[in-house]
Amino acid sequence: MEMGACFREYSKHHEKVQRDGDIMSAKEVVQEIYGIIQEASDIGVEDVFIDLLDTANVSYDDVNKLCRGTNATPEELKEMRLYNQDDGFELGTWDNEKRQAYIQERVNGDGGDHLSNLDKLQFLRYRYEKGQAVQNYVEKWDVDDDLRELAGRLADVTGDDTYTRVLGDRDITSY
């Protein structure tokens, strides 16, 4: 679908599309379009959830819209309890009971071996808030760059640096 929309737009400007002042061949344009679509399809659940956190007055329509053209589906987000519509629309943030129940079930079921990075960070954030130990989980889960990057993105979008602090990351102002 995305490819068709891109070609429709390109057809309006056929033999006029330029890169660095040179007219691009149809083959170059197709390669460019394919690259753009491929990049968009790499967007997953975590990216959609962060966009939802950054959306004012978020609703199911936003979930549906943000999932289009990504690897995420509204059904997947619902299954992961990243939103629910039981009593109106509600995001599955770290302090949401249904979201935490989902994460706890997974942690207790397989020790957390199949948790997403988002699951891990929300689990750690919850434990931290409850005054429970987090370090043993941080050590067990082998914190990598992807987890640290997601923690930073969550901290930025929520204004809550606890996401980075639970991983043992501190900036100079925290000392």
N, C-alpha and C. Protein backbone atom coordinates (compact mmCIF):
# COMPACT_ATOMS: atom_id res chain seq x y z
N MET A 1 0.82 -1.17 0.00
CA MET A 1 0.00 0.00 0.00
C MET A 1 0.87 1.26 0.00
N GLU A 2 1.90 1.24 0.88
CA GLU A 2 2.78 2.40 0.96
C GLU A 2 3.51 2.61 -0.37
N MET A 3 3.94 1.49 -0.98
CA MET A 3 4.65 1.58 -2.25
C MET A 3 3.76 2.24 -3.30
N GLY A 4 2.50 1.84 -3.36
CA GLY A 4 1.56 2.42 -4.32
C GLY A 4 1.38 3.91 -4.12
N ALA A 5 1.26 4.32 -2.87
CA ALA A 5 1.09 5.75 -2.57
C ALA A 5 2.34 6.52 -2.99
N CYS A 6 3.51 5.95 -2.76
CA CYS A 6 4.74 6.62 -3.15
C CYS A 6 4.84 6.74 -4.67
N PHE A 7 4.49 5.66 -5.38
CA PHE A 7 4.55 5.70 -6.84
C PHE A 7 3.55 6.70 -7.41
N ARG A 8 2.40 6.79 -6.79
CA ARG A 8 1.39 7.76 -7.24
C ARG A 8 1.95 9.17 -7.13
N GLU A 9 2.60 9.44 -6.02
CA GLU A 9 3.19 10.77 -5.82
C GLU A 9 4.34 11.00 -6.81
N TYR A 10 5.17 9.97 -6.99
CA TYR A 10 6.30 10.08 -7.93
C TYR A 10 5.81 10.35 -9.35
N SER A 11 4.72 9.71 -9.72
CA SER A 11 4.22 9.88 -11.10
C SER A 11 3.85 11.33 -11.39
N LYS A 12 3.50 12.07 -10.35
CA LYS A 12 3.17 13.49 -10.53
C LYS A 12 4.42 14.32 -10.88
N HIS A 13 5.59 13.76 -10.55
CA HIS A 13 6.86 14.49 -10.71
C HIS A 13 7.86 13.70 -11.55
N HIS A 14 7.36 12.80 -12.37
CA HIS A 14 8.21 11.93 -13.18
C HIS A 14 9.24 12.75 -13.96
N GLU A 15 10.47 12.29 -13.91
CA GLU A 15 11.63 12.91 -14.57
C GLU A 15 11.92 14.32 -14.08
N LYS A 16 11.44 14.63 -12.88
CA LYS A 16 11.74 15.93 -12.28
C LYS A 16 12.35 15.76 -10.88
N VAL A 17 12.36 14.52 -10.36
CA VAL A 17 12.88 14.26 -9.01
C VAL A 17 14.41 14.33 -9.07
N GLN A 18 14.98 15.13 -8.17
CA GLN A 18 16.42 15.36 -8.20
C GLN A 18 17.08 14.97 -6.87
N ARG A 19 18.35 14.64 -7.00
CA ARG A 19 19.22 14.45 -5.83
C ARG A 19 20.51 15.17 -6.17
N ASP A 20 20.90 16.09 -5.33
CA ASP A 20 22.12 16.88 -5.55
C ASP A 20 22.13 17.56 -6.92
N GLY A 21 20.97 18.01 -7.37
CA GLY A 21 20.87 18.73 -8.62
C GLY A 21 20.76 17.87 -9.86
N ASP A 22 20.92 16.55 -9.72
CA ASP A 22 20.81 15.64 -10.87
C ASP A 22 19.47 14.93 -10.84
N ILE A 23 18.87 14.79 -12.02
CA ILE A 23 17.59 14.09 -12.12
C ILE A 23 17.83 12.60 -11.83
N MET A 24 16.99 12.04 -10.96
CA MET A 24 17.12 10.63 -10.60
C MET A 24 16.41 9.75 -11.63
N SER A 25 17.02 8.60 -11.90
CA SER A 25 16.37 7.63 -12.79
C SER A 25 15.22 6.98 -12.04
N ALA A 26 14.33 6.37 -12.79
CA ALA A 26 13.20 5.66 -12.17
C ALA A 26 13.72 4.58 -11.23
N LYS A 27 14.80 3.90 -11.63
CA LYS A 27 15.39 2.84 -10.79
C LYS A 27 15.89 3.42 -9.47
N GLU A 28 16.54 4.59 -9.51
CA GLU A 28 17.02 5.22 -8.29
C GLU A 28 15.86 5.62 -7.38
N VAL A 29 14.80 6.12 -7.99
CA VAL A 29 13.62 6.52 -7.22
C VAL A 29 13.00 5.31 -6.54
N VAL A 30 12.88 4.20 -7.29
CA VAL A 30 12.32 2.97 -6.72
C VAL A 30 13.16 2.50 -5.54
N GLN A 31 14.48 2.53 -5.67
CA GLN A 31 15.35 2.11 -4.58
C GLN A 31 15.17 3.02 -3.36
N GLU A 32 15.04 4.31 -3.60
CA GLU A 32 14.83 5.27 -2.51
C GLU A 32 13.50 5.01 -1.80
N ILE A 33 12.45 4.80 -2.59
CA ILE A 33 11.14 4.51 -2.02
C ILE A 33 11.18 3.23 -1.20
N TYR A 34 11.80 2.20 -1.74
CA TYR A 34 11.90 0.93 -1.02
C TYR A 34 12.64 1.11 0.30
N GLY A 35 13.72 1.90 0.29
CA GLY A 35 14.48 2.15 1.52
C GLY A 35 13.65 2.86 2.57
N ILE A 36 12.87 3.83 2.15
CA ILE A 36 12.01 4.57 3.08
C ILE A 36 10.98 3.64 3.70
N ILE A 37 10.36 2.82 2.88
CA ILE A 37 9.34 1.89 3.38
C ILE A 37 9.97 0.86 4.31
N GLN A 38 11.15 0.38 3.98
CA GLN A 38 11.84 -0.60 4.82
C GLN A 38 12.15 -0.01 6.19
N GLU A 39 12.62 1.24 6.22
CA GLU A 39 12.90 1.90 7.49
C GLU A 39 11.64 2.01 8.35
N ALA A 40 10.54 2.36 7.75
CA ALA A 40 9.28 2.51 8.48
C ALA A 40 8.82 1.18 9.05
N SER A 41 9.08 0.09 8.33
CA SER A 41 8.60 -1.21 8.81
C SER A 41 9.43 -1.72 9.97
N ASP A 42 10.58 -1.11 10.26
CA ASP A 42 11.40 -1.51 11.40
C ASP A 42 10.85 -0.96 12.71
N ILE A 43 9.83 -0.14 12.63
CA ILE A 43 9.22 0.44 13.82
C ILE A 43 8.37 -0.64 14.48
N GLY A 44 8.58 -0.83 15.78
CA GLY A 44 7.88 -1.89 16.48
C GLY A 44 7.07 -1.39 17.65
N VAL A 45 6.71 -2.32 18.52
CA VAL A 45 5.84 -2.06 19.66
C VAL A 45 6.39 -0.95 20.55
N GLU A 46 7.68 -1.01 20.85
CA GLU A 46 8.27 -0.02 21.75
C GLU A 46 8.16 1.39 21.18
N ASP A 47 8.42 1.51 19.88
CA ASP A 47 8.35 2.82 19.23
C ASP A 47 6.92 3.36 19.26
N VAL A 48 5.97 2.49 18.96
CA VAL A 48 4.56 2.91 18.97
C VAL A 48 4.16 3.32 20.38
N PHE A 49 4.56 2.55 21.39
CA PHE A 49 4.20 2.87 22.76
C PHE A 49 4.77 4.23 23.18
N ILE A 50 6.00 4.49 22.82
CA ILE A 50 6.61 5.79 23.16
C ILE A 50 5.86 6.92 22.48
N ASP A 51 5.48 6.71 21.22
CA ASP A 51 4.68 7.73 20.54
C ASP A 51 3.33 7.93 21.23
N LEU A 52 2.74 6.84 21.74
CA LEU A 52 1.48 6.96 22.47
C LEU A 52 1.67 7.76 23.76
N LEU A 53 2.78 7.51 24.45
CA LEU A 53 3.07 8.28 25.67
C LEU A 53 3.21 9.77 25.37
N ASP A 54 3.66 10.06 24.18
CA ASP A 54 3.91 11.45 23.78
C ASP A 54 2.70 12.10 23.12
N THR A 55 1.56 11.39 23.10
CA THR A 55 0.35 11.88 22.45
C THR A 55 -0.62 12.42 23.50
N ALA A 56 -1.07 13.65 23.30
CA ALA A 56 -2.06 14.24 24.22
C ALA A 56 -3.41 13.60 23.97
N ASN A 57 -4.15 13.36 25.03
CA ASN A 57 -5.50 12.78 24.94
C ASN A 57 -5.52 11.51 24.09
N VAL A 58 -4.62 10.61 24.39
CA VAL A 58 -4.45 9.39 23.61
C VAL A 58 -5.72 8.54 23.62
N SER A 59 -5.99 7.89 22.47
CA SER A 59 -7.18 7.06 22.34
C SER A 59 -6.84 5.83 21.48
N TYR A 60 -7.81 4.94 21.33
CA TYR A 60 -7.62 3.78 20.48
C TYR A 60 -7.35 4.20 19.04
N ASP A 61 -7.94 5.27 18.59
CA ASP A 61 -7.68 5.76 17.23
C ASP A 61 -6.20 6.04 17.03
N ASP A 62 -5.54 6.57 18.07
CA ASP A 62 -4.11 6.84 17.99
C ASP A 62 -3.32 5.53 17.90
N VAL A 63 -3.73 4.52 18.66
CA VAL A 63 -3.09 3.21 18.59
C VAL A 63 -3.18 2.68 17.16
N ASN A 64 -4.36 2.70 16.63
CA ASN A 64 -4.61 2.19 15.29
C ASN A 64 -3.79 2.96 14.25
N LYS A 65 -3.79 4.27 14.35
CA LYS A 65 -3.07 5.11 13.40
C LYS A 65 -1.57 4.89 13.49
N LEU A 66 -1.02 4.85 14.72
CA LEU A 66 0.42 4.72 14.89
C LEU A 66 0.95 3.33 14.51
N CYS A 67 0.09 2.33 14.53
CA CYS A 67 0.51 0.98 14.15
C CYS A 67 0.60 0.79 12.64
N ARG A 68 -0.08 1.62 11.89
CA ARG A 68 -0.07 1.49 10.42
C ARG A 68 1.34 1.64 9.88
N GLY A 69 1.73 0.70 9.02
CA GLY A 69 3.04 0.78 8.40
C GLY A 69 4.17 0.38 9.31
N THR A 70 3.86 -0.26 10.44
CA THR A 70 4.90 -0.70 11.38
C THR A 70 4.81 -2.21 11.56
N ASN A 71 5.71 -2.74 12.36
CA ASN A 71 5.67 -4.15 12.72
C ASN A 71 4.77 -4.41 13.92
N ALA A 72 4.12 -3.39 14.43
CA ALA A 72 3.26 -3.52 15.60
C ALA A 72 1.80 -3.54 15.17
N THR A 73 0.98 -4.24 15.95
CA THR A 73 -0.46 -4.26 15.69
C THR A 73 -1.19 -3.85 16.96
N PRO A 74 -2.37 -3.26 16.81
CA PRO A 74 -3.17 -2.94 18.00
C PRO A 74 -3.43 -4.18 18.86
N GLU A 75 -3.63 -5.32 18.22
CA GLU A 75 -3.88 -6.55 18.97
C GLU A 75 -2.68 -6.94 19.82
N GLU A 76 -1.48 -6.78 19.27
CA GLU A 76 -0.26 -7.11 20.01
C GLU A 76 -0.10 -6.19 21.22
N LEU A 77 -0.35 -4.90 21.02
CA LEU A 77 -0.25 -3.97 22.14
C LEU A 77 -1.29 -4.29 23.21
N LYS A 78 -2.49 -4.68 22.77
CA LYS A 78 -3.53 -5.04 23.74
C LYS A 78 -3.16 -6.30 24.50
N GLU A 79 -2.63 -7.30 23.79
CA GLU A 79 -2.23 -8.56 24.43
C GLU A 79 -1.14 -8.31 25.47
N MET A 80 -0.26 -7.36 25.19
CA MET A 80 0.82 -7.02 26.12
C MET A 80 0.34 -6.08 27.22
N ARG A 81 -0.93 -5.77 27.21
CA ARG A 81 -1.58 -4.86 28.18
C ARG A 81 -0.95 -3.47 28.15
N LEU A 82 -0.51 -3.06 26.97
CA LEU A 82 0.03 -1.71 26.82
C LEU A 82 -1.08 -0.68 26.68
N TYR A 83 -2.29 -1.17 26.54
CA TYR A 83 -3.48 -0.33 26.66
C TYR A 83 -4.65 -1.24 26.99
N ASN A 84 -5.68 -0.67 27.58
CA ASN A 84 -6.93 -1.40 27.76
C ASN A 84 -8.08 -0.41 27.63
N GLN A 85 -9.24 -0.97 27.34
CA GLN A 85 -10.42 -0.14 27.14
C GLN A 85 -11.56 -0.56 28.06
N ASP A 86 -11.23 -1.17 29.19
CA ASP A 86 -12.25 -1.66 30.11
C ASP A 86 -13.10 -0.53 30.68
N ASP A 87 -12.47 0.51 31.13
CA ASP A 87 -13.17 1.68 31.68
C ASP A 87 -12.71 2.93 30.96
N GLY A 88 -12.96 3.00 29.68
CA GLY A 88 -12.39 4.08 28.87
C GLY A 88 -11.02 3.64 28.40
N PHE A 89 -10.30 4.49 27.73
CA PHE A 89 -8.99 4.14 27.22
C PHE A 89 -7.92 4.45 28.25
N GLU A 90 -7.01 3.49 28.47
CA GLU A 90 -5.95 3.67 29.45
C GLU A 90 -4.67 3.01 28.94
N LEU A 91 -3.55 3.75 29.01
CA LEU A 91 -2.26 3.19 28.62
C LEU A 91 -1.71 2.28 29.71
N GLY A 92 -0.98 1.27 29.30
CA GLY A 92 -0.36 0.34 30.23
C GLY A 92 1.01 0.81 30.67
N THR A 93 1.02 1.84 31.48
CA THR A 93 2.28 2.39 32.00
C THR A 93 2.78 1.51 33.14
N TRP A 94 3.95 1.84 33.68
CA TRP A 94 4.57 1.02 34.72
C TRP A 94 3.67 0.87 35.94
N ASP A 95 2.81 1.85 36.21
CA ASP A 95 1.98 1.81 37.42
C ASP A 95 0.55 1.33 37.14
N ASN A 96 0.31 0.81 35.96
CA ASN A 96 -1.00 0.28 35.61
C ASN A 96 -1.13 -1.16 36.11
N GLU A 97 -2.17 -1.45 36.87
CA GLU A 97 -2.33 -2.78 37.49
C GLU A 97 -2.37 -3.91 36.47
N LYS A 98 -3.11 -3.72 35.39
CA LYS A 98 -3.23 -4.79 34.39
C LYS A 98 -1.91 -5.04 33.68
N ARG A 99 -1.18 -3.98 33.41
CA ARG A 99 0.13 -4.12 32.77
C ARG A 99 1.09 -4.84 33.71
N GLN A 100 1.10 -4.45 34.97
CA GLN A 100 2.00 -5.10 35.93
C GLN A 100 1.63 -6.56 36.14
N ALA A 101 0.35 -6.88 36.14
CA ALA A 101 -0.07 -8.28 36.29
C ALA A 101 0.46 -9.12 35.12
N TYR A 102 0.38 -8.56 33.92
CA TYR A 102 0.91 -9.23 32.72
C TYR A 102 2.42 -9.47 32.87
N ILE A 103 3.14 -8.44 33.28
CA ILE A 103 4.59 -8.57 33.42
C ILE A 103 4.94 -9.57 34.53
N GLN A 104 4.26 -9.46 35.68
CA GLN A 104 4.52 -10.37 36.80
C GLN A 104 4.30 -11.83 36.39
N GLU A 105 3.24 -12.06 35.65
CA GLU A 105 2.95 -13.42 35.18
C GLU A 105 4.09 -13.96 34.32
N ARG A 106 4.64 -13.11 33.49
CA ARG A 106 5.76 -13.53 32.63
C ARG A 106 7.03 -13.73 33.44
N VAL A 107 7.28 -12.85 34.40
CA VAL A 107 8.48 -13.00 35.23
C VAL A 107 8.39 -14.28 36.04
N ASN A 108 7.23 -14.54 36.62
CA ASN A 108 7.06 -15.75 37.44
C ASN A 108 7.01 -17.02 36.60
N GLY A 109 6.57 -16.89 35.35
CA GLY A 109 6.44 -18.07 34.49
C GLY A 109 7.76 -18.59 33.96
N ASP A 110 8.62 -17.71 33.49
CA ASP A 110 9.88 -18.18 32.91
C ASP A 110 11.09 -17.41 33.44
N GLY A 111 10.92 -16.75 34.56
CA GLY A 111 12.03 -16.01 35.16
C GLY A 111 12.36 -14.72 34.44
N GLY A 112 11.52 -14.34 33.50
CA GLY A 112 11.75 -13.10 32.77
C GLY A 112 12.62 -13.26 31.55
N ASP A 113 12.87 -14.51 31.16
CA ASP A 113 13.75 -14.75 30.02
C ASP A 113 13.16 -14.28 28.70
N HIS A 114 11.85 -14.12 28.62
CA HIS A 114 11.22 -13.72 27.37
C HIS A 114 10.51 -12.36 27.46
N LEU A 115 11.00 -11.53 28.35
CA LEU A 115 10.44 -10.19 28.49
C LEU A 115 11.02 -9.28 27.41
N SER A 116 10.20 -8.37 26.94
CA SER A 116 10.71 -7.34 26.03
C SER A 116 11.49 -6.34 26.88
N ASN A 117 12.25 -5.48 26.22
CA ASN A 117 12.96 -4.43 26.96
C ASN A 117 11.98 -3.50 27.67
N LEU A 118 10.86 -3.24 27.03
CA LEU A 118 9.84 -2.40 27.66
C LEU A 118 9.28 -3.07 28.91
N ASP A 119 9.02 -4.38 28.83
CA ASP A 119 8.56 -5.14 30.00
C ASP A 119 9.58 -5.00 31.14
N LYS A 120 10.84 -5.20 30.82
CA LYS A 120 11.90 -5.15 31.83
C LYS A 120 11.96 -3.79 32.51
N LEU A 121 11.93 -2.73 31.71
CA LEU A 121 12.03 -1.39 32.29
C LEU A 121 10.81 -1.04 33.13
N GLN A 122 9.63 -1.43 32.68
CA GLN A 122 8.44 -1.14 33.49
C GLN A 122 8.43 -1.99 34.76
N PHE A 123 8.92 -3.20 34.69
CA PHE A 123 9.03 -4.06 35.87
C PHE A 123 10.00 -3.44 36.87
N LEU A 124 11.18 -3.04 36.39
CA LEU A 124 12.17 -2.43 37.26
C LEU A 124 11.66 -1.12 37.85
N ARG A 125 10.99 -0.32 37.04
CA ARG A 125 10.44 0.95 37.51
C ARG A 125 9.43 0.73 38.63
N TYR A 126 8.58 -0.28 38.46
CA TYR A 126 7.57 -0.63 39.46
C TYR A 126 8.25 -1.08 40.77
N ARG A 127 9.21 -1.98 40.66
CA ARG A 127 9.91 -2.48 41.85
C ARG A 127 10.62 -1.33 42.58
N TYR A 128 11.25 -0.47 41.83
CA TYR A 128 11.96 0.66 42.40
C TYR A 128 11.00 1.54 43.21
N GLU A 129 9.84 1.81 42.62
CA GLU A 129 8.85 2.65 43.29
C GLU A 129 8.33 2.01 44.58
N LYS A 130 8.27 0.67 44.58
CA LYS A 130 7.79 -0.06 45.76
C LYS A 130 8.89 -0.31 46.79
N GLY A 131 10.10 0.20 46.51
CA GLY A 131 11.21 0.03 47.44
C GLY A 131 11.80 -1.38 47.42
N GLN A 132 11.57 -2.11 46.34
CA GLN A 132 12.08 -3.47 46.21
C GLN A 132 13.39 -3.46 45.42
N ALA A 133 14.20 -4.48 45.65
CA ALA A 133 15.51 -4.57 44.99
C ALA A 133 15.35 -4.71 43.48
N VAL A 134 16.22 -4.03 42.75
CA VAL A 134 16.22 -4.14 41.30
C VAL A 134 17.56 -4.66 40.77
N GLN A 135 18.61 -4.49 41.55
CA GLN A 135 19.96 -4.80 41.06
C GLN A 135 20.12 -6.25 40.61
N ASN A 136 19.52 -7.19 41.32
CA ASN A 136 19.65 -8.60 40.92
C ASN A 136 19.04 -8.85 39.54
N TYR A 137 17.96 -8.17 39.22
CA TYR A 137 17.35 -8.30 37.89
C TYR A 137 18.22 -7.62 36.83
N VAL A 138 18.75 -6.46 37.16
CA VAL A 138 19.62 -5.74 36.22
C VAL A 138 20.82 -6.63 35.86
N GLU A 139 21.41 -7.28 36.86
CA GLU A 139 22.56 -8.15 36.61
C GLU A 139 22.15 -9.39 35.81
N LYS A 140 21.02 -9.96 36.14
CA LYS A 140 20.54 -11.18 35.46
C LYS A 140 20.22 -10.91 34.00
N TRP A 141 19.64 -9.75 33.71
CA TRP A 141 19.18 -9.45 32.35
C TRP A 141 20.26 -8.88 31.45
N ASP A 142 21.48 -8.72 31.92
CA ASP A 142 22.57 -8.27 31.08
C ASP A 142 22.18 -7.03 30.27
N VAL A 143 22.20 -5.91 30.92
CA VAL A 143 21.79 -4.65 30.31
C VAL A 143 22.65 -4.34 29.09
N ASP A 144 22.00 -4.11 27.95
CA ASP A 144 22.73 -3.79 26.72
C ASP A 144 22.37 -2.39 26.23
N ASP A 145 22.96 -2.01 25.10
CA ASP A 145 22.74 -0.67 24.56
C ASP A 145 21.28 -0.42 24.19
N ASP A 146 20.60 -1.45 23.67
CA ASP A 146 19.19 -1.30 23.30
C ASP A 146 18.33 -0.96 24.52
N LEU A 147 18.60 -1.65 25.64
CA LEU A 147 17.84 -1.40 26.86
C LEU A 147 18.14 0.00 27.40
N ARG A 148 19.39 0.39 27.37
CA ARG A 148 19.77 1.73 27.83
C ARG A 148 19.15 2.81 26.94
N GLU A 149 19.15 2.57 25.64
CA GLU A 149 18.56 3.55 24.72
C GLU A 149 17.06 3.70 24.98
N LEU A 150 16.37 2.57 25.17
CA LEU A 150 14.94 2.62 25.46
C LEU A 150 14.69 3.34 26.78
N ALA A 151 15.52 3.07 27.79
CA ALA A 151 15.37 3.75 29.08
C ALA A 151 15.50 5.27 28.90
N GLY A 152 16.45 5.68 28.08
CA GLY A 152 16.63 7.10 27.81
C GLY A 152 15.44 7.70 27.09
N ARG A 153 14.91 6.97 26.13
CA ARG A 153 13.74 7.45 25.39
C ARG A 153 12.53 7.58 26.31
N LEU A 154 12.32 6.58 27.18
CA LEU A 154 11.22 6.64 28.13
C LEU A 154 11.40 7.80 29.10
N ALA A 155 12.62 7.99 29.57
CA ALA A 155 12.91 9.10 30.49
C ALA A 155 12.62 10.43 29.80
N ASP A 156 13.01 10.55 28.55
CA ASP A 156 12.78 11.80 27.82
C ASP A 156 11.29 12.08 27.62
N VAL A 157 10.54 11.07 27.18
CA VAL A 157 9.13 11.30 26.85
C VAL A 157 8.27 11.49 28.10
N THR A 158 8.67 10.86 29.21
CA THR A 158 7.87 10.97 30.44
C THR A 158 8.41 12.03 31.42
N GLY A 159 9.63 12.48 31.18
CA GLY A 159 10.25 13.40 32.13
C GLY A 159 10.63 12.70 33.43
N ASP A 160 10.78 11.39 33.39
CA ASP A 160 11.05 10.57 34.57
C ASP A 160 12.37 9.82 34.39
N ASP A 161 13.44 10.35 34.99
CA ASP A 161 14.75 9.73 34.82
C ASP A 161 14.93 8.44 35.63
N THR A 162 13.89 8.02 36.33
CA THR A 162 13.96 6.76 37.08
C THR A 162 14.24 5.60 36.14
N TYR A 163 13.75 5.69 34.91
CA TYR A 163 13.99 4.62 33.94
C TYR A 163 15.48 4.39 33.70
N THR A 164 16.27 5.44 33.72
CA THR A 164 17.71 5.26 33.55
C THR A 164 18.39 4.93 34.88
N ARG A 165 17.88 5.48 35.97
CA ARG A 165 18.48 5.22 37.27
C ARG A 165 18.35 3.76 37.70
N VAL A 166 17.24 3.09 37.34
CA VAL A 166 17.08 1.69 37.74
C VAL A 166 18.11 0.79 37.08
N LEU A 167 18.71 1.25 35.99
CA LEU A 167 19.75 0.48 35.32
C LEU A 167 21.13 0.76 35.89
N GLY A 168 21.17 1.67 36.86
CA GLY A 168 22.46 2.03 37.46
C GLY A 168 23.10 3.20 36.74
N ASP A 169 22.39 3.79 35.78
CA ASP A 169 22.92 4.95 35.05
C ASP A 169 22.63 6.21 35.83
N ARG A 170 23.66 7.02 35.97
CA ARG A 170 23.47 8.29 36.67
C ARG A 170 24.15 9.39 35.88
N ASP A 171 23.56 10.54 35.94
CA ASP A 171 24.26 11.68 35.36
C ASP A 171 24.93 12.43 36.48
N ILE A 172 25.71 13.41 36.16
CA ILE A 172 26.51 14.14 37.14
C ILE A 172 25.66 14.83 38.21
N THR A 173 24.43 15.20 37.88
CA THR A 173 23.60 15.91 38.85
C THR A 173 23.04 15.00 39.94
N SER A 174 23.13 13.68 39.76
CA SER A 174 22.55 12.78 40.76
C SER A 174 23.54 12.47 41.89
N TYR A 175 24.77 12.97 41.78
CA TYR A 175 25.77 12.69 42.83
C TYR A 175 25.81 13.75 43.87
